[in-house]
Amino acid sequence: MSSAEYYNSVGEKVRKNKIEDYLKIVGILFTAATLFFSGKTYQAAQKWKVAEFTSQKYKEFSENRSVRLVNEMLDYNTRAVTLFDNDSLQALSDDAVFASLVVDSINGEFSKTETKIRDVFDEYFEQLSTFNRYAKTELISYEEIKPYLIYQVSIICDRNNPRKTSEYRKRIWDYIRYYGYTDVKELYKKFGYDIDSAFLKQQ
């Protein structure tokens, strides 16, 4: 083999190696791009599923009868509501709710209406607790559910909210704390309201 043929052969091998290296790089970049966009697509799909699940669970929550009743009690200072299943309306005032939510250690006997109001709030807090459990298991996020719940939460927790008096608000805090609605307290805290600290400050 002449020198010219030898150098041509070497040059051809170099060119082939460069092409192979180039193709390998292109393949790696293509694979990386595919994985990147697949990951983005997956993340978007997961985010959509979380949003859809959150919306569905809030819909179920808002359609619960006790939840609707509590929302009415929070929204109004006096409101005619169907408290019992007989479809008859009765006026409920903040004073009636306040008297009903006193803890057992202070008053162990309650009227039929007071007992029903307590039952309604109990179910409301139980239903509300599920959102904290969902969030802790990452089925939803606190950020996703906050816009749905913050209106009622602020009435209960925000000392600057004019909807209710500080005494009314403190009575609900005491009820939540006394009966051990830990998930409710955790949820409120995630929304920026530490009712344990707030309660102690008002003692």
N, C-alpha and C. Protein backbone atom coordinates (compact mmCIF):
# COMPACT_ATOMS: atom_id res chain seq x y z
N MET A 1 0.87 -1.20 0.00
CA MET A 1 0.00 0.00 0.00
C MET A 1 0.90 1.23 0.00
N SER A 2 0.60 2.12 -0.94
CA SER A 2 1.39 3.34 -1.03
C SER A 2 1.06 4.27 0.13
N SER A 3 1.91 5.25 0.28
CA SER A 3 1.68 6.23 1.35
C SER A 3 0.36 6.96 1.16
N ALA A 4 0.05 7.30 -0.11
CA ALA A 4 -1.20 8.03 -0.40
C ALA A 4 -2.41 7.18 -0.03
N GLU A 5 -2.33 5.87 -0.41
CA GLU A 5 -3.45 4.98 -0.09
C GLU A 5 -3.60 4.82 1.43
N TYR A 6 -2.47 4.74 2.10
CA TYR A 6 -2.48 4.57 3.55
C TYR A 6 -3.15 5.77 4.23
N TYR A 7 -2.73 6.97 3.84
CA TYR A 7 -3.31 8.18 4.44
C TYR A 7 -4.78 8.34 4.07
N ASN A 8 -5.14 7.93 2.85
CA ASN A 8 -6.56 7.97 2.46
C ASN A 8 -7.39 7.03 3.33
N SER A 9 -6.79 5.84 3.57
CA SER A 9 -7.49 4.85 4.41
C SER A 9 -7.67 5.36 5.83
N VAL A 10 -6.60 5.95 6.36
CA VAL A 10 -6.69 6.51 7.72
C VAL A 10 -7.71 7.63 7.78
N GLY A 11 -7.69 8.48 6.77
CA GLY A 11 -8.63 9.60 6.73
C GLY A 11 -10.07 9.12 6.66
N GLU A 12 -10.30 8.03 5.89
CA GLU A 12 -11.65 7.48 5.76
C GLU A 12 -12.13 6.93 7.10
N LYS A 13 -11.24 6.26 7.82
CA LYS A 13 -11.60 5.72 9.14
C LYS A 13 -11.94 6.85 10.12
N VAL A 14 -11.14 7.91 10.05
CA VAL A 14 -11.40 9.07 10.93
C VAL A 14 -12.76 9.66 10.63
N ARG A 15 -13.06 9.80 9.32
CA ARG A 15 -14.36 10.37 8.92
C ARG A 15 -15.51 9.49 9.39
N LYS A 16 -15.31 8.15 9.24
CA LYS A 16 -16.36 7.22 9.68
C LYS A 16 -16.56 7.31 11.19
N ASN A 17 -15.45 7.39 11.92
CA ASN A 17 -15.56 7.50 13.39
C ASN A 17 -16.26 8.79 13.80
N LYS A 18 -15.96 9.88 13.08
CA LYS A 18 -16.61 11.16 13.39
C LYS A 18 -18.11 11.09 13.13
N ILE A 19 -18.46 10.44 12.00
CA ILE A 19 -19.87 10.30 11.66
C ILE A 19 -20.59 9.45 12.72
N GLU A 20 -19.92 8.34 13.11
CA GLU A 20 -20.51 7.49 14.13
C GLU A 20 -20.67 8.23 15.45
N ASP A 21 -19.66 9.01 15.82
CA ASP A 21 -19.73 9.80 17.06
C ASP A 21 -20.85 10.82 16.97
N TYR A 22 -20.98 11.44 15.81
CA TYR A 22 -22.02 12.45 15.59
C TYR A 22 -23.40 11.81 15.73
N LEU A 23 -23.56 10.63 15.10
CA LEU A 23 -24.84 9.93 15.17
C LEU A 23 -25.17 9.52 16.60
N LYS A 24 -24.13 9.10 17.33
CA LYS A 24 -24.35 8.74 18.73
C LYS A 24 -24.83 9.94 19.55
N ILE A 25 -24.18 11.08 19.31
CA ILE A 25 -24.56 12.32 20.02
C ILE A 25 -25.99 12.71 19.68
N VAL A 26 -26.32 12.63 18.36
CA VAL A 26 -27.68 12.96 17.94
C VAL A 26 -28.68 12.02 18.60
N GLY A 27 -28.33 10.73 18.66
CA GLY A 27 -29.21 9.75 19.29
C GLY A 27 -29.43 10.04 20.77
N ILE A 28 -28.33 10.39 21.44
CA ILE A 28 -28.42 10.72 22.87
C ILE A 28 -29.29 11.95 23.08
N LEU A 29 -29.07 12.97 22.25
CA LEU A 29 -29.86 14.20 22.37
C LEU A 29 -31.33 13.95 22.08
N PHE A 30 -31.59 13.12 21.09
CA PHE A 30 -32.98 12.79 20.73
C PHE A 30 -33.66 12.05 21.89
N THR A 31 -32.93 11.08 22.47
CA THR A 31 -33.48 10.33 23.60
C THR A 31 -33.75 11.24 24.79
N ALA A 32 -32.79 12.15 25.05
CA ALA A 32 -32.95 13.08 26.18
C ALA A 32 -34.15 13.99 25.95
N ALA A 33 -34.28 14.48 24.70
CA ALA A 33 -35.41 15.36 24.37
C ALA A 33 -36.73 14.62 24.52
N THR A 34 -36.75 13.36 24.06
CA THR A 34 -37.97 12.55 24.17
C THR A 34 -38.36 12.35 25.63
N LEU A 35 -37.35 12.01 26.46
CA LEU A 35 -37.62 11.82 27.89
C LEU A 35 -38.08 13.11 28.55
N PHE A 36 -37.46 14.23 28.16
CA PHE A 36 -37.82 15.53 28.74
C PHE A 36 -39.27 15.87 28.43
N PHE A 37 -39.64 15.77 27.15
CA PHE A 37 -41.00 16.13 26.77
C PHE A 37 -42.02 15.12 27.28
N SER A 38 -41.60 13.84 27.39
CA SER A 38 -42.49 12.84 27.98
C SER A 38 -42.75 13.17 29.44
N GLY A 39 -41.66 13.57 30.13
CA GLY A 39 -41.80 13.96 31.53
C GLY A 39 -42.72 15.16 31.70
N LYS A 40 -42.55 16.15 30.82
CA LYS A 40 -43.41 17.34 30.87
C LYS A 40 -44.87 16.97 30.63
N THR A 41 -45.08 16.09 29.64
CA THR A 41 -46.43 15.66 29.32
C THR A 41 -47.04 14.91 30.51
N TYR A 42 -46.23 14.06 31.14
CA TYR A 42 -46.70 13.30 32.30
C TYR A 42 -47.04 14.24 33.45
N GLN A 43 -46.16 15.22 33.69
CA GLN A 43 -46.40 16.17 34.77
C GLN A 43 -47.68 16.96 34.53
N ALA A 44 -47.87 17.36 33.28
CA ALA A 44 -49.09 18.12 32.94
C ALA A 44 -50.33 17.26 33.14
N ALA A 45 -50.22 15.98 32.74
CA ALA A 45 -51.35 15.07 32.90
C ALA A 45 -51.65 14.83 34.38
N GLN A 46 -50.59 14.68 35.18
CA GLN A 46 -50.77 14.48 36.61
C GLN A 46 -51.38 15.70 37.27
N LYS A 47 -50.91 16.88 36.86
CA LYS A 47 -51.45 18.13 37.41
C LYS A 47 -52.93 18.26 37.07
N TRP A 48 -53.29 17.87 35.86
CA TRP A 48 -54.69 17.92 35.45
C TRP A 48 -55.52 16.95 36.29
N LYS A 49 -54.98 15.75 36.52
CA LYS A 49 -55.70 14.76 37.32
C LYS A 49 -55.92 15.25 38.74
N VAL A 50 -54.89 15.89 39.32
CA VAL A 50 -55.01 16.44 40.67
C VAL A 50 -56.07 17.53 40.71
N ALA A 51 -56.06 18.41 39.72
CA ALA A 51 -57.05 19.50 39.65
C ALA A 51 -58.45 18.94 39.49
N GLU A 52 -58.58 17.92 38.66
CA GLU A 52 -59.88 17.31 38.42
C GLU A 52 -60.39 16.61 39.68
N PHE A 53 -59.49 15.90 40.36
CA PHE A 53 -59.85 15.21 41.60
C PHE A 53 -60.25 16.22 42.67
N THR A 54 -59.50 17.31 42.78
CA THR A 54 -59.80 18.35 43.77
C THR A 54 -61.17 18.95 43.51
N SER A 55 -61.43 19.26 42.25
CA SER A 55 -62.72 19.85 41.88
C SER A 55 -63.87 18.90 42.21
N GLN A 56 -63.68 17.62 41.92
CA GLN A 56 -64.72 16.63 42.19
C GLN A 56 -64.98 16.48 43.68
N LYS A 57 -63.91 16.43 44.47
CA LYS A 57 -64.07 16.27 45.91
C LYS A 57 -64.69 17.51 46.55
N TYR A 58 -64.35 18.69 46.02
CA TYR A 58 -64.99 19.89 46.56
C TYR A 58 -66.48 19.91 46.20
N LYS A 59 -66.80 19.46 45.01
CA LYS A 59 -68.21 19.39 44.59
C LYS A 59 -69.00 18.49 45.55
N GLU A 60 -68.43 17.33 45.86
CA GLU A 60 -69.09 16.42 46.80
C GLU A 60 -69.21 17.07 48.18
N PHE A 61 -68.17 17.74 48.61
CA PHE A 61 -68.16 18.44 49.90
C PHE A 61 -69.25 19.51 49.94
N SER A 62 -69.31 20.33 48.91
CA SER A 62 -70.25 21.46 48.90
C SER A 62 -71.70 21.01 48.78
N GLU A 63 -71.93 19.80 48.28
CA GLU A 63 -73.29 19.29 48.14
C GLU A 63 -73.77 18.57 49.39
N ASN A 64 -72.87 18.37 50.35
CA ASN A 64 -73.25 17.74 51.61
C ASN A 64 -74.21 18.66 52.37
N ARG A 65 -75.26 18.12 52.90
CA ARG A 65 -76.30 18.93 53.55
C ARG A 65 -75.76 19.70 54.75
N SER A 66 -74.97 19.05 55.57
CA SER A 66 -74.41 19.73 56.75
C SER A 66 -73.45 20.83 56.35
N VAL A 67 -72.69 20.60 55.31
CA VAL A 67 -71.77 21.62 54.82
C VAL A 67 -72.55 22.84 54.34
N ARG A 68 -73.63 22.61 53.61
CA ARG A 68 -74.45 23.74 53.14
C ARG A 68 -75.04 24.51 54.32
N LEU A 69 -75.48 23.79 55.33
CA LEU A 69 -76.06 24.46 56.50
C LEU A 69 -75.03 25.30 57.24
N VAL A 70 -73.85 24.75 57.45
CA VAL A 70 -72.81 25.51 58.15
C VAL A 70 -72.42 26.73 57.33
N ASN A 71 -72.31 26.57 56.03
CA ASN A 71 -71.97 27.71 55.18
C ASN A 71 -73.01 28.82 55.31
N GLU A 72 -74.28 28.43 55.42
CA GLU A 72 -75.34 29.43 55.61
C GLU A 72 -75.20 30.10 56.98
N MET A 73 -74.91 29.33 57.99
CA MET A 73 -74.74 29.89 59.33
C MET A 73 -73.55 30.86 59.38
N LEU A 74 -72.51 30.54 58.61
CA LEU A 74 -71.34 31.43 58.58
C LEU A 74 -71.60 32.67 57.74
N ASP A 75 -72.37 32.52 56.70
CA ASP A 75 -72.61 33.63 55.78
C ASP A 75 -73.55 34.69 56.36
N TYR A 76 -74.45 34.27 57.24
CA TYR A 76 -75.49 35.18 57.73
C TYR A 76 -75.45 35.25 59.26
N ASN A 77 -75.90 36.37 59.79
CA ASN A 77 -76.02 36.52 61.24
C ASN A 77 -77.33 35.94 61.74
N THR A 78 -78.36 36.00 60.91
CA THR A 78 -79.63 35.32 61.17
C THR A 78 -80.12 34.77 59.84
N ARG A 79 -80.52 33.50 59.84
CA ARG A 79 -80.87 32.86 58.58
C ARG A 79 -81.95 31.81 58.82
N ALA A 80 -82.99 31.81 57.96
CA ALA A 80 -84.00 30.77 58.02
C ALA A 80 -83.47 29.55 57.26
N VAL A 81 -83.34 28.44 57.98
CA VAL A 81 -82.76 27.24 57.38
C VAL A 81 -83.65 26.04 57.67
N THR A 82 -83.47 25.01 56.85
CA THR A 82 -84.15 23.74 57.09
C THR A 82 -83.20 22.87 57.89
N LEU A 83 -83.31 22.97 59.19
CA LEU A 83 -82.36 22.27 60.05
C LEU A 83 -82.68 20.79 60.17
N PHE A 84 -83.97 20.48 60.24
CA PHE A 84 -84.40 19.09 60.37
C PHE A 84 -84.94 18.60 59.03
N ASP A 85 -85.28 17.34 58.97
CA ASP A 85 -85.69 16.74 57.69
C ASP A 85 -87.16 16.94 57.35
N ASN A 86 -87.87 17.74 58.13
CA ASN A 86 -89.30 17.92 57.88
C ASN A 86 -89.60 19.09 56.94
N ASP A 87 -88.55 19.67 56.35
CA ASP A 87 -88.69 20.75 55.36
C ASP A 87 -89.19 22.06 55.94
N SER A 88 -89.41 22.15 57.24
CA SER A 88 -89.87 23.41 57.82
C SER A 88 -88.68 24.31 58.10
N LEU A 89 -88.86 25.60 57.82
CA LEU A 89 -87.80 26.57 58.04
C LEU A 89 -87.84 27.08 59.48
N GLN A 90 -86.67 27.31 60.03
CA GLN A 90 -86.60 27.98 61.32
C GLN A 90 -85.42 28.94 61.31
N ALA A 91 -85.62 30.06 61.99
CA ALA A 91 -84.58 31.09 62.01
C ALA A 91 -83.49 30.70 63.00
N LEU A 92 -82.26 30.78 62.52
CA LEU A 92 -81.11 30.54 63.38
C LEU A 92 -80.26 31.80 63.43
N SER A 93 -79.96 32.25 64.61
CA SER A 93 -79.12 33.43 64.78
C SER A 93 -77.72 33.02 65.22
N ASP A 94 -76.80 33.97 65.16
CA ASP A 94 -75.46 33.72 65.67
C ASP A 94 -75.50 33.34 67.16
N ASP A 95 -76.44 33.96 67.89
CA ASP A 95 -76.54 33.65 69.32
C ASP A 95 -76.93 32.19 69.55
N ALA A 96 -77.82 31.67 68.70
CA ALA A 96 -78.25 30.27 68.83
C ALA A 96 -77.09 29.32 68.52
N VAL A 97 -76.32 29.65 67.49
CA VAL A 97 -75.16 28.82 67.14
C VAL A 97 -74.12 28.89 68.25
N PHE A 98 -73.90 30.09 68.75
CA PHE A 98 -72.92 30.31 69.82
C PHE A 98 -73.27 29.46 71.04
N ALA A 99 -74.55 29.47 71.43
CA ALA A 99 -75.00 28.71 72.60
C ALA A 99 -74.87 27.21 72.36
N SER A 100 -75.08 26.78 71.13
CA SER A 100 -75.06 25.35 70.81
C SER A 100 -73.67 24.76 70.85
N LEU A 101 -72.66 25.56 70.54
CA LEU A 101 -71.30 25.04 70.40
C LEU A 101 -70.46 25.14 71.66
N VAL A 102 -71.11 25.38 72.79
CA VAL A 102 -70.36 25.35 74.05
C VAL A 102 -69.93 23.91 74.30
N VAL A 103 -68.75 23.71 74.86
CA VAL A 103 -68.24 22.35 75.04
C VAL A 103 -68.92 21.66 76.23
N ASP A 104 -68.89 20.32 76.23
CA ASP A 104 -69.61 19.53 77.24
C ASP A 104 -69.17 19.83 78.66
N SER A 105 -67.91 20.21 78.81
CA SER A 105 -67.39 20.44 80.16
C SER A 105 -68.05 21.65 80.83
N ILE A 106 -68.67 22.49 80.00
CA ILE A 106 -69.35 23.68 80.53
C ILE A 106 -70.85 23.42 80.66
N ASN A 107 -71.40 22.76 79.64
CA ASN A 107 -72.84 22.51 79.64
C ASN A 107 -73.08 21.14 79.00
N GLY A 108 -73.54 20.20 79.77
CA GLY A 108 -73.71 18.84 79.26
C GLY A 108 -75.07 18.53 78.70
N GLU A 109 -76.02 19.44 78.80
CA GLU A 109 -77.38 19.20 78.30
C GLU A 109 -77.73 20.22 77.23
N PHE A 110 -78.31 19.71 76.15
CA PHE A 110 -78.63 20.58 75.02
C PHE A 110 -80.05 20.29 74.53
N SER A 111 -80.67 21.33 74.00
CA SER A 111 -82.01 21.18 73.43
C SER A 111 -81.92 20.41 72.12
N LYS A 112 -83.07 20.07 71.57
CA LYS A 112 -83.11 19.35 70.30
C LYS A 112 -82.44 20.15 69.19
N THR A 113 -82.74 21.45 69.16
CA THR A 113 -82.14 22.31 68.13
C THR A 113 -80.63 22.44 68.33
N GLU A 114 -80.21 22.63 69.57
CA GLU A 114 -78.78 22.76 69.86
C GLU A 114 -78.03 21.48 69.49
N THR A 115 -78.63 20.34 69.82
CA THR A 115 -78.00 19.06 69.48
C THR A 115 -77.86 18.91 67.97
N LYS A 116 -78.88 19.32 67.23
CA LYS A 116 -78.82 19.22 65.77
C LYS A 116 -77.74 20.15 65.21
N ILE A 117 -77.63 21.34 65.74
CA ILE A 117 -76.59 22.27 65.28
C ILE A 117 -75.21 21.66 65.53
N ARG A 118 -75.03 21.05 66.68
CA ARG A 118 -73.76 20.41 66.99
C ARG A 118 -73.47 19.26 66.02
N ASP A 119 -74.50 18.47 65.73
CA ASP A 119 -74.34 17.36 64.78
C ASP A 119 -73.93 17.88 63.40
N VAL A 120 -74.55 18.98 62.99
CA VAL A 120 -74.25 19.57 61.69
C VAL A 120 -72.81 20.05 61.63
N PHE A 121 -72.35 20.73 62.68
CA PHE A 121 -70.95 21.19 62.72
C PHE A 121 -69.98 20.01 62.80
N ASP A 122 -70.36 18.97 63.53
CA ASP A 122 -69.50 17.78 63.60
C ASP A 122 -69.29 17.18 62.21
N GLU A 123 -70.37 17.03 61.47
CA GLU A 123 -70.23 16.46 60.13
C GLU A 123 -69.45 17.40 59.22
N TYR A 124 -69.69 18.69 59.37
CA TYR A 124 -68.94 19.67 58.57
C TYR A 124 -67.44 19.52 58.81
N PHE A 125 -67.04 19.44 60.07
CA PHE A 125 -65.61 19.33 60.38
C PHE A 125 -65.05 17.98 59.93
N GLU A 126 -65.86 16.93 60.01
CA GLU A 126 -65.40 15.62 59.52
C GLU A 126 -65.17 15.68 58.01
N GLN A 127 -66.10 16.29 57.31
CA GLN A 127 -65.96 16.41 55.86
C GLN A 127 -64.76 17.29 55.50
N LEU A 128 -64.59 18.37 56.24
CA LEU A 128 -63.47 19.27 55.99
C LEU A 128 -62.14 18.57 56.24
N SER A 129 -62.11 17.69 57.23
CA SER A 129 -60.89 16.96 57.58
C SER A 129 -60.34 16.14 56.42
N THR A 130 -61.24 15.65 55.56
CA THR A 130 -60.78 14.78 54.46
C THR A 130 -59.82 15.51 53.52
N PHE A 131 -59.97 16.82 53.39
CA PHE A 131 -59.07 17.56 52.49
C PHE A 131 -57.64 17.56 53.03
N ASN A 132 -57.52 17.64 54.34
CA ASN A 132 -56.17 17.57 54.92
C ASN A 132 -55.57 16.19 54.72
N ARG A 133 -56.39 15.16 54.86
CA ARG A 133 -55.89 13.79 54.64
C ARG A 133 -55.50 13.57 53.18
N TYR A 134 -56.30 14.09 52.27
CA TYR A 134 -55.95 13.99 50.85
C TYR A 134 -54.62 14.70 50.58
N ALA A 135 -54.46 15.87 51.18
CA ALA A 135 -53.24 16.66 50.93
C ALA A 135 -52.01 15.96 51.50
N LYS A 136 -52.16 15.35 52.68
CA LYS A 136 -51.02 14.67 53.30
C LYS A 136 -50.58 13.44 52.51
N THR A 137 -51.51 12.84 51.77
CA THR A 137 -51.17 11.69 50.93
C THR A 137 -50.92 12.10 49.47
N GLU A 138 -50.90 13.44 49.24
CA GLU A 138 -50.57 14.02 47.94
C GLU A 138 -51.58 13.67 46.84
N LEU A 139 -52.81 13.34 47.24
CA LEU A 139 -53.87 13.18 46.26
C LEU A 139 -54.33 14.55 45.76
N ILE A 140 -54.21 15.55 46.62
CA ILE A 140 -54.44 16.94 46.23
C ILE A 140 -53.31 17.76 46.84
N SER A 141 -53.26 19.04 46.51
CA SER A 141 -52.30 19.94 47.16
C SER A 141 -53.07 21.00 47.92
N TYR A 142 -52.43 21.55 48.95
CA TYR A 142 -53.07 22.63 49.70
C TYR A 142 -53.33 23.83 48.80
N GLU A 143 -52.41 24.07 47.85
CA GLU A 143 -52.57 25.20 46.94
C GLU A 143 -53.79 25.02 46.05
N GLU A 144 -54.06 23.77 45.65
CA GLU A 144 -55.21 23.49 44.78
C GLU A 144 -56.53 23.70 45.50
N ILE A 145 -56.60 23.27 46.77
CA ILE A 145 -57.88 23.31 47.48
C ILE A 145 -58.13 24.65 48.15
N LYS A 146 -57.10 25.41 48.43
CA LYS A 146 -57.27 26.66 49.18
C LYS A 146 -58.28 27.61 48.57
N PRO A 147 -58.26 27.87 47.24
CA PRO A 147 -59.24 28.80 46.69
C PRO A 147 -60.70 28.38 46.91
N TYR A 148 -60.93 27.08 47.00
CA TYR A 148 -62.30 26.59 47.22
C TYR A 148 -62.77 26.83 48.65
N LEU A 149 -61.86 26.76 49.61
CA LEU A 149 -62.24 26.74 51.02
C LEU A 149 -61.97 28.04 51.76
N ILE A 150 -61.16 28.91 51.20
CA ILE A 150 -60.63 30.03 51.97
C ILE A 150 -61.71 31.00 52.45
N TYR A 151 -62.82 31.12 51.73
CA TYR A 151 -63.85 32.07 52.15
C TYR A 151 -64.40 31.70 53.53
N GLN A 152 -64.85 30.43 53.68
CA GLN A 152 -65.39 29.99 54.97
C GLN A 152 -64.29 29.91 56.02
N VAL A 153 -63.11 29.47 55.61
CA VAL A 153 -61.99 29.37 56.55
C VAL A 153 -61.67 30.73 57.15
N SER A 154 -61.68 31.76 56.34
CA SER A 154 -61.35 33.10 56.84
C SER A 154 -62.41 33.62 57.80
N ILE A 155 -63.67 33.23 57.60
CA ILE A 155 -64.72 33.65 58.54
C ILE A 155 -64.46 33.03 59.91
N ILE A 156 -64.05 31.77 59.92
CA ILE A 156 -63.80 31.07 61.18
C ILE A 156 -62.48 31.48 61.82
N CYS A 157 -61.48 31.72 61.00
CA CYS A 157 -60.11 31.86 61.54
C CYS A 157 -59.56 33.28 61.58
N ASP A 158 -59.97 34.12 60.66
CA ASP A 158 -59.34 35.44 60.54
C ASP A 158 -59.95 36.41 61.54
N ARG A 159 -59.15 36.85 62.49
CA ARG A 159 -59.65 37.76 63.53
C ARG A 159 -60.05 39.12 62.97
N ASN A 160 -59.60 39.42 61.76
CA ASN A 160 -59.95 40.70 61.14
C ASN A 160 -61.18 40.60 60.23
N ASN A 161 -61.72 39.39 60.10
CA ASN A 161 -62.91 39.22 59.26
C ASN A 161 -64.13 39.73 60.02
N PRO A 162 -64.86 40.69 59.46
CA PRO A 162 -65.96 41.32 60.19
C PRO A 162 -67.25 40.51 60.22
N ARG A 163 -67.27 39.36 59.54
CA ARG A 163 -68.50 38.58 59.42
C ARG A 163 -69.02 38.11 60.78
N LYS A 164 -68.09 37.72 61.68
CA LYS A 164 -68.48 37.22 63.00
C LYS A 164 -67.72 37.95 64.09
N THR A 165 -68.25 37.89 65.31
CA THR A 165 -67.58 38.52 66.45
C THR A 165 -66.40 37.66 66.90
N SER A 166 -65.50 38.25 67.66
CA SER A 166 -64.35 37.51 68.17
C SER A 166 -64.81 36.41 69.14
N GLU A 167 -65.89 36.67 69.89
CA GLU A 167 -66.42 35.67 70.82
C GLU A 167 -66.98 34.46 70.08
N TYR A 168 -67.69 34.72 69.00
CA TYR A 168 -68.26 33.65 68.16
C TYR A 168 -67.12 32.81 67.57
N ARG A 169 -66.12 33.50 67.06
CA ARG A 169 -64.98 32.82 66.44
C ARG A 169 -64.23 31.96 67.47
N LYS A 170 -64.03 32.52 68.65
CA LYS A 170 -63.32 31.80 69.70
C LYS A 170 -64.12 30.58 70.16
N ARG A 171 -65.44 30.67 70.14
CA ARG A 171 -66.28 29.53 70.53
C ARG A 171 -66.08 28.37 69.55
N ILE A 172 -65.97 28.67 68.25
CA ILE A 172 -65.72 27.62 67.26
C ILE A 172 -64.32 27.04 67.42
N TRP A 173 -63.33 27.90 67.68
CA TRP A 173 -61.97 27.40 67.92
C TRP A 173 -61.95 26.43 69.11
N ASP A 174 -62.64 26.83 70.17
CA ASP A 174 -62.69 26.00 71.37
C ASP A 174 -63.32 24.65 71.06
N TYR A 175 -64.38 24.66 70.26
CA TYR A 175 -65.08 23.43 69.87
C TYR A 175 -64.15 22.52 69.08
N ILE A 176 -63.43 23.09 68.11
CA ILE A 176 -62.50 22.32 67.28
C ILE A 176 -61.40 21.71 68.14
N ARG A 177 -60.87 22.49 69.05
CA ARG A 177 -59.76 22.04 69.89
C ARG A 177 -60.24 20.98 70.90
N TYR A 178 -61.36 21.23 71.53
CA TYR A 178 -61.86 20.34 72.59
C TYR A 178 -62.20 18.96 72.04
N TYR A 179 -62.81 18.93 70.85
CA TYR A 179 -63.24 17.65 70.29
C TYR A 179 -62.21 17.04 69.33
N GLY A 180 -61.03 17.59 69.31
CA GLY A 180 -59.91 16.92 68.65
C GLY A 180 -59.96 16.85 67.14
N TYR A 181 -60.42 17.92 66.51
CA TYR A 181 -60.41 17.94 65.04
C TYR A 181 -59.02 18.37 64.55
N THR A 182 -58.08 17.46 64.71
CA THR A 182 -56.68 17.77 64.41
C THR A 182 -56.47 18.08 62.94
N ASP A 183 -57.13 17.32 62.07
CA ASP A 183 -56.96 17.58 60.63
C ASP A 183 -57.47 18.96 60.24
N VAL A 184 -58.54 19.40 60.90
CA VAL A 184 -59.06 20.74 60.62
C VAL A 184 -58.04 21.79 61.05
N LYS A 185 -57.45 21.60 62.22
CA LYS A 185 -56.43 22.55 62.70
C LYS A 185 -55.23 22.57 61.76
N GLU A 186 -54.81 21.41 61.30
CA GLU A 186 -53.67 21.34 60.39
C GLU A 186 -53.98 22.02 59.06
N LEU A 187 -55.19 21.81 58.57
CA LEU A 187 -55.60 22.46 57.32
C LEU A 187 -55.60 23.97 57.47
N TYR A 188 -56.19 24.46 58.56
CA TYR A 188 -56.21 25.90 58.81
C TYR A 188 -54.79 26.45 58.89
N LYS A 189 -53.90 25.70 59.54
CA LYS A 189 -52.53 26.17 59.70
C LYS A 189 -51.83 26.26 58.34
N LYS A 190 -52.11 25.32 57.44
CA LYS A 190 -51.55 25.37 56.10
C LYS A 190 -52.04 26.60 55.34
N PHE A 191 -53.22 27.08 55.72
CA PHE A 191 -53.77 28.28 55.10
C PHE A 191 -53.35 29.55 55.82
N GLY A 192 -52.48 29.40 56.83
CA GLY A 192 -51.94 30.57 57.51
C GLY A 192 -52.62 30.93 58.81
N TYR A 193 -53.47 30.03 59.35
CA TYR A 193 -54.20 30.33 60.57
C TYR A 193 -53.91 29.28 61.64
N ASP A 194 -53.19 29.66 62.67
CA ASP A 194 -52.88 28.77 63.78
C ASP A 194 -53.87 29.05 64.90
N ILE A 195 -54.97 28.27 64.94
CA ILE A 195 -56.02 28.60 65.90
C ILE A 195 -55.63 28.23 67.33
N ASP A 196 -54.69 27.32 67.51
CA ASP A 196 -54.22 27.02 68.86
C ASP A 196 -53.54 28.25 69.47
N SER A 197 -52.63 28.85 68.73
CA SER A 197 -51.94 30.05 69.22
C SER A 197 -52.90 31.21 69.38
N ALA A 198 -53.80 31.36 68.40
CA ALA A 198 -54.76 32.46 68.45
C ALA A 198 -55.69 32.32 69.65
N PHE A 199 -56.11 31.07 69.95
CA PHE A 199 -56.99 30.82 71.09
C PHE A 199 -56.30 31.21 72.39
N LEU A 200 -55.06 30.78 72.54
CA LEU A 200 -54.32 31.07 73.78
C LEU A 200 -54.08 32.56 73.97
N LYS A 201 -53.90 33.27 72.86
CA LYS A 201 -53.69 34.72 72.96
C LYS A 201 -54.94 35.44 73.45
N GLN A 202 -56.12 34.83 73.22
CA GLN A 202 -57.37 35.47 73.63
C GLN A 202 -57.81 35.04 75.02
N GLN A 203 -57.02 34.17 75.67
CA GLN A 203 -57.38 33.72 77.00
C GLN A 203 -57.24 34.84 78.02
